[in-house]
Amino acid sequence: MTNIQVLSLVVSGRKNVHNLSAKQSARLAQAGFIGVDLVDDTLTVTPKGERAHARNVKVCRAAHVRLLVEKALEELPVGKPFRHRGLWLRMGKSDFTRDEVLAGLKACRELGVVQSRKLSNNNFQIVWFTGDEMIVEEAEEVAAAAK
């Protein structure tokens, strides 16, 4: 197991700090993720360990959202333009934040799954589409609906 995996077990409460092996304790202590509480004289997770765990959770969540965005994109017709808000609503507004879905779309764009096009200098005129070519007539309808 990596240091982050062991740390996640400790932070989530699935593993007690006192049940770590000597090697695990030493590796976490060298990384600065656990330390000795001087008041109680016990091992505890340090603020650095809490931050590292939070970063790991954020990265794992982003990867999960990207996979779900890819799955949602498979259901869309090829070439038909859409806005990221529409995809966000389709995926479940209460389950994901707008920024998570947008970051997932951007990651899919880097992988070549989806493309984006800016219809004007207005940032609200950005449309997304799957496939190689966008249906231009529908893009104009999407742009007109935003006004």
Protein backbone atom coordinates (compact mmCIF):
# COMPACT_ATOMS: atom_id res chain seq x y z
CA MET A 1 0.00 0.00 0.00
CA THR A 2 1.11 3.52 -0.67
CA ASN A 3 1.44 6.14 2.05
CA ILE A 4 -1.71 7.90 0.82
CA GLN A 5 -3.75 4.68 0.91
CA VAL A 6 -2.66 3.94 4.48
CA LEU A 7 -3.28 7.56 5.45
CA SER A 8 -6.77 7.40 3.96
CA LEU A 9 -7.55 4.33 6.05
CA VAL A 10 -6.39 6.14 9.18
CA VAL A 11 -8.24 9.39 8.43
CA SER A 12 -11.47 7.58 7.54
CA GLY A 13 -11.32 5.62 10.79
CA ARG A 14 -11.05 2.19 9.17
CA LYS A 15 -7.61 1.71 10.68
CA ASN A 16 -6.37 2.94 14.03
CA VAL A 17 -3.05 4.77 14.15
CA HIS A 18 -1.92 2.41 16.88
CA ASN A 19 -2.54 -0.63 14.65
CA LEU A 20 -0.08 0.48 11.97
CA SER A 21 2.98 -1.64 11.39
CA ALA A 22 6.36 -0.18 12.32
CA LYS A 23 7.21 0.28 8.65
CA GLN A 24 3.91 2.05 7.90
CA SER A 25 4.30 4.32 10.92
CA ALA A 26 7.86 5.20 9.99
CA ARG A 27 6.94 5.98 6.36
CA LEU A 28 3.98 8.17 7.38
CA ALA A 29 6.08 9.94 10.02
CA GLN A 30 8.92 10.59 7.54
CA ALA A 31 6.41 12.05 5.10
CA GLY A 32 5.05 14.24 7.91
CA PHE A 33 1.56 12.73 7.77
CA ILE A 34 1.51 11.51 11.39
CA GLY A 35 3.20 12.84 14.47
CA VAL A 36 3.22 12.62 18.24
CA ASP A 37 0.66 14.70 20.13
CA LEU A 38 2.74 16.20 22.95
CA VAL A 39 -0.25 16.67 25.27
CA ASP A 40 -1.55 13.09 25.13
CA ASP A 41 1.71 11.49 24.01
CA THR A 42 -0.12 9.57 21.25
CA LEU A 43 0.22 9.30 17.48
CA THR A 44 -2.13 11.55 15.51
CA VAL A 45 -2.64 12.67 11.93
CA THR A 46 -0.94 16.00 11.30
CA PRO A 47 -2.48 18.93 9.42
CA LYS A 48 -0.17 18.03 6.52
CA GLY A 49 -1.67 14.53 6.55
CA GLU A 50 -5.19 15.95 6.55
CA ARG A 51 -4.37 18.14 3.54
CA ALA A 52 -2.75 15.23 1.68
CA HIS A 53 -5.85 13.12 2.32
CA ALA A 54 -8.13 15.93 1.11
CA ARG A 55 -6.07 16.30 -2.10
CA ASN A 56 -6.25 12.55 -2.70
CA VAL A 57 -10.03 12.55 -2.22
CA LYS A 58 -10.36 15.44 -4.67
CA VAL A 59 -8.24 13.68 -7.32
CA CYS A 60 -10.21 10.43 -6.94
CA ARG A 61 -13.51 12.31 -7.17
CA ALA A 62 -12.35 14.10 -10.35
CA ALA A 63 -11.42 10.79 -11.98
CA HIS A 64 -14.80 9.32 -11.03
CA VAL A 65 -16.69 12.33 -12.41
CA ARG A 66 -14.68 12.19 -15.66
CA LEU A 67 -15.71 8.56 -16.17
CA LEU A 68 -19.35 9.46 -15.55
CA VAL A 69 -19.10 12.39 -17.97
CA GLU A 70 -17.69 10.03 -20.61
CA LYS A 71 -20.58 7.66 -20.01
CA ALA A 72 -23.11 10.50 -20.33
CA LEU A 73 -21.44 11.68 -23.55
CA GLU A 74 -21.94 8.24 -25.11
CA GLU A 75 -25.71 8.77 -24.86
CA LEU A 76 -25.61 12.06 -26.81
CA PRO A 77 -26.05 12.15 -30.59
CA VAL A 78 -22.85 12.70 -32.57
CA GLY A 79 -22.36 16.26 -33.81
CA LYS A 80 -25.29 17.73 -31.87
CA PRO A 81 -24.15 20.78 -29.88
CA PHE A 82 -24.91 21.08 -26.17
CA ARG A 83 -23.97 23.32 -23.27
CA HIS A 84 -22.17 22.01 -20.24
CA ARG A 85 -25.08 23.12 -18.03
CA GLY A 86 -27.39 20.79 -19.95
CA LEU A 87 -25.03 17.89 -19.36
CA TRP A 88 -24.73 18.84 -15.69
CA LEU A 89 -28.52 18.83 -15.30
CA ARG A 90 -28.73 15.52 -17.17
CA MET A 91 -26.13 13.91 -14.89
CA GLY A 92 -27.80 15.15 -11.72
CA LYS A 93 -27.42 18.67 -10.45
CA SER A 94 -27.51 17.53 -6.82
CA ASP A 95 -24.90 14.79 -7.33
CA PHE A 96 -22.16 16.90 -8.91
CA THR A 97 -21.07 20.50 -8.91
CA ARG A 98 -21.04 22.54 -12.10
CA ASP A 99 -17.27 22.88 -11.88
CA GLU A 100 -16.78 19.12 -11.49
CA VAL A 101 -18.75 18.43 -14.67
CA LEU A 102 -16.92 21.22 -16.52
CA ALA A 103 -13.55 19.83 -15.42
CA GLY A 104 -14.70 16.37 -16.56
CA LEU A 105 -15.65 17.80 -19.95
CA LYS A 106 -12.27 19.52 -20.26
CA ALA A 107 -10.50 16.26 -19.40
CA CYS A 108 -12.59 14.45 -22.03
CA ARG A 109 -11.66 17.16 -24.52
CA GLU A 110 -7.98 16.49 -23.86
CA LEU A 111 -8.62 12.78 -24.51
CA GLY A 112 -10.40 13.61 -27.77
CA VAL A 113 -13.81 12.33 -26.68
CA VAL A 114 -15.54 15.70 -27.01
CA GLN A 115 -14.80 19.02 -28.69
CA SER A 116 -15.77 22.58 -27.88
CA ARG A 117 -16.32 25.61 -30.04
CA LYS A 118 -16.66 29.24 -29.07
CA LEU A 119 -19.37 30.81 -31.22
CA SER A 120 -18.45 34.41 -30.32
CA ASN A 121 -16.27 36.39 -27.92
CA ASN A 122 -18.86 35.83 -25.21
CA ASN A 123 -17.87 33.01 -22.82
CA PHE A 124 -21.53 32.00 -22.61
CA GLN A 125 -21.43 31.10 -26.30
CA ILE A 126 -19.29 27.96 -25.84
CA VAL A 127 -20.87 24.77 -27.13
CA TRP A 128 -19.66 21.19 -26.86
CA PHE A 129 -20.19 18.31 -29.27
CA THR A 130 -19.08 14.73 -29.78
CA GLY A 131 -17.65 13.45 -33.03
CA ASP A 132 -15.58 15.23 -35.65
CA GLU A 133 -18.06 17.78 -36.99
CA MET A 134 -20.73 19.88 -35.33
CA ILE A 135 -24.15 20.38 -36.89
CA VAL A 136 -23.89 24.13 -37.56
CA GLU A 137 -27.63 24.86 -37.81
CA GLU A 138 -28.26 23.45 -34.36
CA ALA A 139 -25.31 25.41 -32.94
CA GLU A 140 -26.92 28.61 -34.16
CA GLU A 141 -30.18 27.60 -32.44
CA VAL A 142 -28.29 26.93 -29.19
CA ALA A 143 -26.59 30.33 -29.46
CA ALA A 144 -29.90 32.09 -30.13
CA ALA A 145 -31.50 30.39 -27.12
CA ALA A 146 -28.78 31.82 -24.85
CA LYS A 147 -29.62 35.43 -25.70
